[in-house]
Amino acid sequence: MSWVQWTNYLRDRAAASERGEVPQYAYVYFDIAIDGEPVGRILFRLLWRDCPVTTENFMALADGVKGYGYKGCNFHRVIPGYIIQGGDITKGDGTGGKSIYFGGGTFPSENYLHKHNQKGLLCMATFGPDTAQSQFYITMRDHTLSHLDKKDVVFGKVLEDPENVCQKINDLGDVAGTVHKDVRIVACGTTTAPKPS
């Protein structure tokens, strides 16, 4: 995909969103294991209409439609009370990653419509401007992380986490970001909206 094609793609997705042709939300689940033991499921609600390009990348990686994705991927960086980070599907240590765009390369940050202002937000992790790929993080702080606004795209949130999986992962890190057990996505994919209880 050339930059001209990319620009056209972004314009077309934005126009489709404005016309209401893109659903407001999408849903993705991660089943997590710690040191090989299943600990529960995280259900994310993605802001499909607000962030269609970022959301469609995340959905495709969750479903593995390109032959690669999040299944089997680890959480490689955990700073308690700050973020839990995963999604390096090529190296597993935070130095790699792969998107569904540009033959697996990085892609530009889509927009900064949403703030890093609560716990449980799902955000793209980047190395600098326009370096989104597969890495993501979940915020673990109740108050604002405003230094991440205009840096990383917020494109969803944890909708359901009945087994407190995010907190279990959070508790395995240290201030250096080291994860002291193997935390891995053992199953994942897109799913439907949960039924009202």
C-alpha atoms as a PDB file:
ATOM      1  CA  MET A   1       0.000   0.000   0.000  1.00  0.00           C
ATOM      2  CA  SER A   2       1.446   3.366  -1.024  1.00  0.00           C
ATOM      3  CA  TRP A   3       1.037   6.556   1.011  1.00  0.00           C
ATOM      4  CA  VAL A   4      -1.461   7.795  -1.556  1.00  0.00           C
ATOM      5  CA  GLN A   5      -3.474   4.597  -1.148  1.00  0.00           C
ATOM      6  CA  TRP A   6      -3.167   4.923   2.626  1.00  0.00           C
ATOM      7  CA  THR A   7      -4.432   8.507   2.555  1.00  0.00           C
ATOM      8  CA  ASN A   8      -7.373   7.438   0.412  1.00  0.00           C
ATOM      9  CA  TYR A   9      -8.077   4.530   2.761  1.00  0.00           C
ATOM     10  CA  LEU A  10      -8.098   6.829   5.790  1.00  0.00           C
ATOM     11  CA  ARG A  11     -10.388   9.277   4.026  1.00  0.00           C
ATOM     12  CA  ASP A  12     -12.775   6.499   2.980  1.00  0.00           C
ATOM     13  CA  ARG A  13     -12.906   4.988   6.485  1.00  0.00           C
ATOM     14  CA  ALA A  14     -13.503   8.407   8.043  1.00  0.00           C
ATOM     15  CA  ALA A  15     -16.277   9.147   5.552  1.00  0.00           C
ATOM     16  CA  ALA A  16     -17.891   5.766   6.206  1.00  0.00           C
ATOM     17  CA  SER A  17     -17.780   6.476   9.942  1.00  0.00           C
ATOM     18  CA  GLU A  18     -19.386   9.877   9.478  1.00  0.00           C
ATOM     19  CA  ARG A  19     -22.156   8.299   7.400  1.00  0.00           C
ATOM     20  CA  GLY A  20     -22.823   5.798  10.185  1.00  0.00           C
ATOM     21  CA  GLU A  21     -21.770   2.849   8.023  1.00  0.00           C
ATOM     22  CA  VAL A  22     -19.231   1.709  10.611  1.00  0.00           C
ATOM     23  CA  PRO A  23     -20.703   0.249  13.822  1.00  0.00           C
ATOM     24  CA  GLN A  24     -20.112   2.343  16.926  1.00  0.00           C
ATOM     25  CA  TYR A  25     -18.404  -0.490  18.788  1.00  0.00           C
ATOM     26  CA  ALA A  26     -16.637  -3.789  18.198  1.00  0.00           C
ATOM     27  CA  TYR A  27     -15.775  -6.443  20.781  1.00  0.00           C
ATOM     28  CA  VAL A  28     -12.648  -8.554  21.240  1.00  0.00           C
ATOM     29  CA  TYR A  29     -11.811 -11.091  23.940  1.00  0.00           C
ATOM     30  CA  PHE A  30      -8.481 -12.314  25.298  1.00  0.00           C
ATOM     31  CA  ASP A  31      -8.196 -15.531  27.313  1.00  0.00           C
ATOM     32  CA  ILE A  32      -5.114 -15.222  29.515  1.00  0.00           C
ATOM     33  CA  ALA A  33      -2.811 -17.775  31.141  1.00  0.00           C
ATOM     34  CA  ILE A  34      -0.116 -17.086  33.741  1.00  0.00           C
ATOM     35  CA  ASP A  35       2.707 -19.632  33.748  1.00  0.00           C
ATOM     36  CA  GLY A  36       0.467 -21.892  31.683  1.00  0.00           C
ATOM     37  CA  GLU A  37      -2.515 -21.731  34.059  1.00  0.00           C
ATOM     38  CA  PRO A  38      -5.726 -20.149  32.727  1.00  0.00           C
ATOM     39  CA  VAL A  39      -6.744 -17.148  34.835  1.00  0.00           C
ATOM     40  CA  GLY A  40      -9.719 -15.708  32.959  1.00  0.00           C
ATOM     41  CA  ARG A  41     -11.014 -13.595  30.126  1.00  0.00           C
ATOM     42  CA  ILE A  42     -10.771  -9.889  29.320  1.00  0.00           C
ATOM     43  CA  LEU A  43     -13.494  -8.438  27.084  1.00  0.00           C
ATOM     44  CA  PHE A  44     -12.702  -5.196  25.281  1.00  0.00           C
ATOM     45  CA  ARG A  45     -15.114  -2.739  23.713  1.00  0.00           C
ATOM     46  CA  LEU A  46     -13.419  -1.005  20.787  1.00  0.00           C
ATOM     47  CA  LEU A  47     -14.309   2.444  19.462  1.00  0.00           C
ATOM     48  CA  TRP A  48     -14.849   1.265  15.902  1.00  0.00           C
ATOM     49  CA  ARG A  49     -16.643   4.358  14.621  1.00  0.00           C
ATOM     50  CA  ASP A  50     -14.190   6.813  16.203  1.00  0.00           C
ATOM     51  CA  CYS A  51     -11.040   4.827  15.345  1.00  0.00           C
ATOM     52  CA  PRO A  52     -11.885   2.488  12.443  1.00  0.00           C
ATOM     53  CA  VAL A  53      -8.344   1.973  11.135  1.00  0.00           C
ATOM     54  CA  THR A  54      -6.865   1.185  14.558  1.00  0.00           C
ATOM     55  CA  THR A  55      -9.836  -0.968  15.544  1.00  0.00           C
ATOM     56  CA  GLU A  56      -9.755  -2.988  12.325  1.00  0.00           C
ATOM     57  CA  ASN A  57      -6.043  -3.667  12.827  1.00  0.00           C
ATOM     58  CA  PHE A  58      -6.684  -4.910  16.380  1.00  0.00           C
ATOM     59  CA  MET A  59      -9.662  -7.032  15.309  1.00  0.00           C
ATOM     60  CA  ALA A  60      -7.729  -8.658  12.456  1.00  0.00           C
ATOM     61  CA  LEU A  61      -4.825  -9.477  14.779  1.00  0.00           C
ATOM     62  CA  ALA A  62      -7.220 -10.939  17.344  1.00  0.00           C
ATOM     63  CA  ASP A  63      -8.793 -13.140  14.664  1.00  0.00           C
ATOM     64  CA  GLY A  64      -5.480 -13.970  12.973  1.00  0.00           C
ATOM     65  CA  VAL A  65      -6.951 -13.356   9.526  1.00  0.00           C
ATOM     66  CA  LYS A  66      -3.551 -12.595   7.967  1.00  0.00           C
ATOM     67  CA  GLY A  67      -1.958 -15.758   9.347  1.00  0.00           C
ATOM     68  CA  TYR A  68      -0.478 -13.967  12.357  1.00  0.00           C
ATOM     69  CA  GLY A  69      -1.849 -12.208  15.395  1.00  0.00           C
ATOM     70  CA  TYR A  70      -2.238 -12.038  19.131  1.00  0.00           C
ATOM     71  CA  LYS A  71      -2.810 -15.704  19.917  1.00  0.00           C
ATOM     72  CA  GLY A  72       0.237 -16.975  21.815  1.00  0.00           C
ATOM     73  CA  CYS A  73       1.582 -13.468  22.396  1.00  0.00           C
ATOM     74  CA  ASN A  74       2.895 -12.446  25.815  1.00  0.00           C
ATOM     75  CA  PHE A  75       2.636  -9.343  27.981  1.00  0.00           C
ATOM     76  CA  HIS A  76       6.228  -8.113  27.986  1.00  0.00           C
ATOM     77  CA  ARG A  77       6.027  -4.907  30.049  1.00  0.00           C
ATOM     78  CA  VAL A  78       4.139  -4.299  33.285  1.00  0.00           C
ATOM     79  CA  ILE A  79       4.532  -1.231  35.487  1.00  0.00           C
ATOM     80  CA  PRO A  80       2.149  -1.639  38.449  1.00  0.00           C
ATOM     81  CA  GLY A  81      -0.391   1.142  38.735  1.00  0.00           C
ATOM     82  CA  TYR A  82       0.574   2.495  35.318  1.00  0.00           C
ATOM     83  CA  ILE A  83       0.236   0.147  32.316  1.00  0.00           C
ATOM     84  CA  ILE A  84       0.258  -3.494  31.276  1.00  0.00           C
ATOM     85  CA  GLN A  85       1.650  -3.900  27.760  1.00  0.00           C
ATOM     86  CA  GLY A  86       1.664  -6.671  25.164  1.00  0.00           C
ATOM     87  CA  GLY A  87       1.218  -7.251  21.469  1.00  0.00           C
ATOM     88  CA  ASP A  88       4.813  -7.707  20.286  1.00  0.00           C
ATOM     89  CA  ILE A  89       3.856 -10.593  18.025  1.00  0.00           C
ATOM     90  CA  THR A  90       7.251 -10.887  16.329  1.00  0.00           C
ATOM     91  CA  LYS A  91       9.835 -10.712  19.132  1.00  0.00           C
ATOM     92  CA  GLY A  92       7.912 -10.780  22.401  1.00  0.00           C
ATOM     93  CA  ASP A  93      10.204  -8.286  24.121  1.00  0.00           C
ATOM     94  CA  GLY A  94       8.827  -4.905  23.083  1.00  0.00           C
ATOM     95  CA  THR A  95      11.192  -4.328  20.169  1.00  0.00           C
ATOM     96  CA  GLY A  96       8.967  -5.831  17.478  1.00  0.00           C
ATOM     97  CA  GLY A  97       5.417  -5.919  16.218  1.00  0.00           C
ATOM     98  CA  LYS A  98       3.449  -6.258  13.012  1.00  0.00           C
ATOM     99  CA  SER A  99       0.317  -4.573  11.706  1.00  0.00           C
ATOM    100  CA  ILE A 100      -2.059  -5.619   8.939  1.00  0.00           C
ATOM    101  CA  TYR A 101      -1.094  -2.546   6.908  1.00  0.00           C
ATOM    102  CA  PHE A 102       1.904  -1.854   4.640  1.00  0.00           C
ATOM    103  CA  GLY A 103       2.890  -5.520   4.493  1.00  0.00           C
ATOM    104  CA  GLY A 104       3.056  -5.699   8.279  1.00  0.00           C
ATOM    105  CA  GLY A 105       4.792  -2.368   8.822  1.00  0.00           C
ATOM    106  CA  THR A 106       3.909   0.551  11.054  1.00  0.00           C
ATOM    107  CA  PHE A 107       1.037   2.890  10.304  1.00  0.00           C
ATOM    108  CA  PRO A 108       0.203   6.488  11.245  1.00  0.00           C
ATOM    109  CA  SER A 109      -1.656   7.265  14.439  1.00  0.00           C
ATOM    110  CA  GLU A 110      -5.278   7.713  13.451  1.00  0.00           C
ATOM    111  CA  ASN A 111      -6.478  10.447  15.813  1.00  0.00           C
ATOM    112  CA  TYR A 112      -6.368  11.601  19.407  1.00  0.00           C
ATOM    113  CA  LEU A 113     -10.078  11.984  20.072  1.00  0.00           C
ATOM    114  CA  HIS A 114      -9.967  10.279  23.467  1.00  0.00           C
ATOM    115  CA  LYS A 115      -7.928  11.066  26.569  1.00  0.00           C
ATOM    116  CA  HIS A 116      -5.910   8.787  28.836  1.00  0.00           C
ATOM    117  CA  ASN A 117      -8.108   9.651  31.793  1.00  0.00           C
ATOM    118  CA  GLN A 118      -9.138   6.426  33.511  1.00  0.00           C
ATOM    119  CA  LYS A 119      -8.161   2.887  34.356  1.00  0.00           C
ATOM    120  CA  GLY A 120      -8.843   0.141  31.829  1.00  0.00           C
ATOM    121  CA  LEU A 121      -8.324   2.059  28.582  1.00  0.00           C
ATOM    122  CA  LEU A 122      -6.985   0.154  25.572  1.00  0.00           C
ATOM    123  CA  CYS A 123      -4.320   2.131  23.704  1.00  0.00           C
ATOM    124  CA  MET A 124      -1.832   1.639  20.900  1.00  0.00           C
ATOM    125  CA  ALA A 125       1.810   1.562  22.030  1.00  0.00           C
ATOM    126  CA  THR A 126       4.153   3.461  19.734  1.00  0.00           C
ATOM    127  CA  PHE A 127       7.868   4.219  19.454  1.00  0.00           C
ATOM    128  CA  GLY A 128       7.260   7.746  18.164  1.00  0.00           C
ATOM    129  CA  PRO A 129       5.012   9.567  15.716  1.00  0.00           C
ATOM    130  CA  ASP A 130       3.137   7.300  13.307  1.00  0.00           C
ATOM    131  CA  THR A 131       4.679   4.010  14.488  1.00  0.00           C
ATOM    132  CA  ALA A 132       1.557   2.036  15.424  1.00  0.00           C
ATOM    133  CA  GLN A 133       1.666  -1.699  14.682  1.00  0.00           C
ATOM    134  CA  SER A 134       0.467  -4.503  16.996  1.00  0.00           C
ATOM    135  CA  GLN A 135       1.668  -3.407  20.437  1.00  0.00           C
ATOM    136  CA  PHE A 136      -0.956  -2.139  22.863  1.00  0.00           C
ATOM    137  CA  TYR A 137      -1.319  -1.323  26.523  1.00  0.00           C
ATOM    138  CA  ILE A 138      -4.064  -1.123  29.117  1.00  0.00           C
ATOM    139  CA  THR A 139      -4.004   1.768  31.578  1.00  0.00           C
ATOM    140  CA  MET A 140      -3.910   0.776  35.245  1.00  0.00           C
ATOM    141  CA  ARG A 141      -4.223   4.204  36.859  1.00  0.00           C
ATOM    142  CA  ASP A 142      -7.536   5.723  37.951  1.00  0.00           C
ATOM    143  CA  HIS A 143      -6.531   9.302  37.183  1.00  0.00           C
ATOM    144  CA  THR A 144      -5.215  11.017  34.099  1.00  0.00           C
ATOM    145  CA  LEU A 145      -2.103  10.051  32.154  1.00  0.00           C
ATOM    146  CA  SER A 146      -2.162  13.266  30.167  1.00  0.00           C
ATOM    147  CA  HIS A 147       1.457  12.916  29.000  1.00  0.00           C
ATOM    148  CA  LEU A 148       0.217  10.067  26.775  1.00  0.00           C
ATOM    149  CA  ASP A 149      -2.475  12.210  25.125  1.00  0.00           C
ATOM    150  CA  LYS A 150      -1.505  13.233  21.573  1.00  0.00           C
ATOM    151  CA  LYS A 151       1.078  10.425  21.699  1.00  0.00           C
ATOM    152  CA  ASP A 152      -0.838   7.130  21.707  1.00  0.00           C
ATOM    153  CA  VAL A 153      -4.312   6.461  20.330  1.00  0.00           C
ATOM    154  CA  VAL A 154      -7.003   5.431  22.823  1.00  0.00           C
ATOM    155  CA  PHE A 155      -9.288   3.100  20.874  1.00  0.00           C
ATOM    156  CA  GLY A 156     -11.168   1.051  23.452  1.00  0.00           C
ATOM    157  CA  LYS A 157     -11.576  -0.035  27.037  1.00  0.00           C
ATOM    158  CA  VAL A 158     -11.888  -3.111  29.212  1.00  0.00           C
ATOM    159  CA  LEU A 159     -15.615  -3.792  29.306  1.00  0.00           C
ATOM    160  CA  GLU A 160     -15.629  -6.987  31.370  1.00  0.00           C
ATOM    161  CA  ASP A 161     -12.954  -8.575  33.541  1.00  0.00           C
ATOM    162  CA  PRO A 162     -14.820 -10.707  36.094  1.00  0.00           C
ATOM    163  CA  GLU A 163     -11.718 -12.620  37.222  1.00  0.00           C
ATOM    164  CA  ASN A 164      -9.677  -9.411  37.690  1.00  0.00           C
ATOM    165  CA  VAL A 165      -7.161 -10.577  35.099  1.00  0.00           C
ATOM    166  CA  CYS A 166      -5.797  -7.075  34.501  1.00  0.00           C
ATOM    167  CA  GLN A 167      -5.051  -6.678  38.200  1.00  0.00           C
ATOM    168  CA  LYS A 168      -3.396 -10.107  38.316  1.00  0.00           C
ATOM    169  CA  ILE A 169      -1.129  -9.073  35.450  1.00  0.00           C
ATOM    170  CA  ASN A 170      -0.499  -5.682  37.080  1.00  0.00           C
ATOM    171  CA  ASP A 171       0.711  -7.414  40.250  1.00  0.00           C
ATOM    172  CA  LEU A 172       3.414  -9.328  38.334  1.00  0.00           C
ATOM    173  CA  GLY A 173       5.435  -6.289  37.268  1.00  0.00           C
ATOM    174  CA  ASP A 174       7.916  -3.888  38.834  1.00  0.00           C
ATOM    175  CA  VAL A 175       8.962  -0.259  38.359  1.00  0.00           C
ATOM    176  CA  ALA A 176      11.395  -1.293  35.618  1.00  0.00           C
ATOM    177  CA  GLY A 177       8.562  -2.920  33.671  1.00  0.00           C
ATOM    178  CA  THR A 178       9.841  -6.475  34.143  1.00  0.00           C
ATOM    179  CA  VAL A 179       7.156  -9.171  34.142  1.00  0.00           C
ATOM    180  CA  HIS A 180       8.005 -11.843  36.709  1.00  0.00           C
ATOM    181  CA  LYS A 181       5.855 -14.642  35.277  1.00  0.00           C
ATOM    182  CA  ASP A 182       4.885 -15.700  31.777  1.00  0.00           C
ATOM    183  CA  VAL A 183       1.633 -13.928  30.913  1.00  0.00           C
ATOM    184  CA  ARG A 184       0.214 -15.060  27.592  1.00  0.00           C
ATOM    185  CA  ILE A 185      -2.856 -14.686  25.372  1.00  0.00           C
ATOM    186  CA  VAL A 186      -3.899 -18.299  24.816  1.00  0.00           C
ATOM    187  CA  ALA A 187      -7.063 -17.581  22.823  1.00  0.00           C
ATOM    188  CA  CYS A 188      -8.578 -14.444  21.336  1.00  0.00           C
ATOM    189  CA  GLY A 189     -10.936 -13.158  18.710  1.00  0.00           C
ATOM    190  CA  THR A 190     -13.795 -10.878  17.839  1.00  0.00           C
ATOM    191  CA  THR A 191     -17.126 -11.522  19.487  1.00  0.00           C
ATOM    192  CA  THR A 192     -20.588 -10.030  19.851  1.00  0.00           C
ATOM    193  CA  ALA A 193     -21.736  -7.472  22.375  1.00  0.00           C
ATOM    194  CA  PRO A 194     -22.515  -8.966  25.776  1.00  0.00           C
ATOM    195  CA  LYS A 195     -26.168  -9.384  26.631  1.00  0.00           C
ATOM    196  CA  PRO A 196     -27.531  -7.000  29.268  1.00  0.00           C
ATOM    197  CA  SER A 197     -27.682  -8.659  32.672  1.00  0.00           C
END
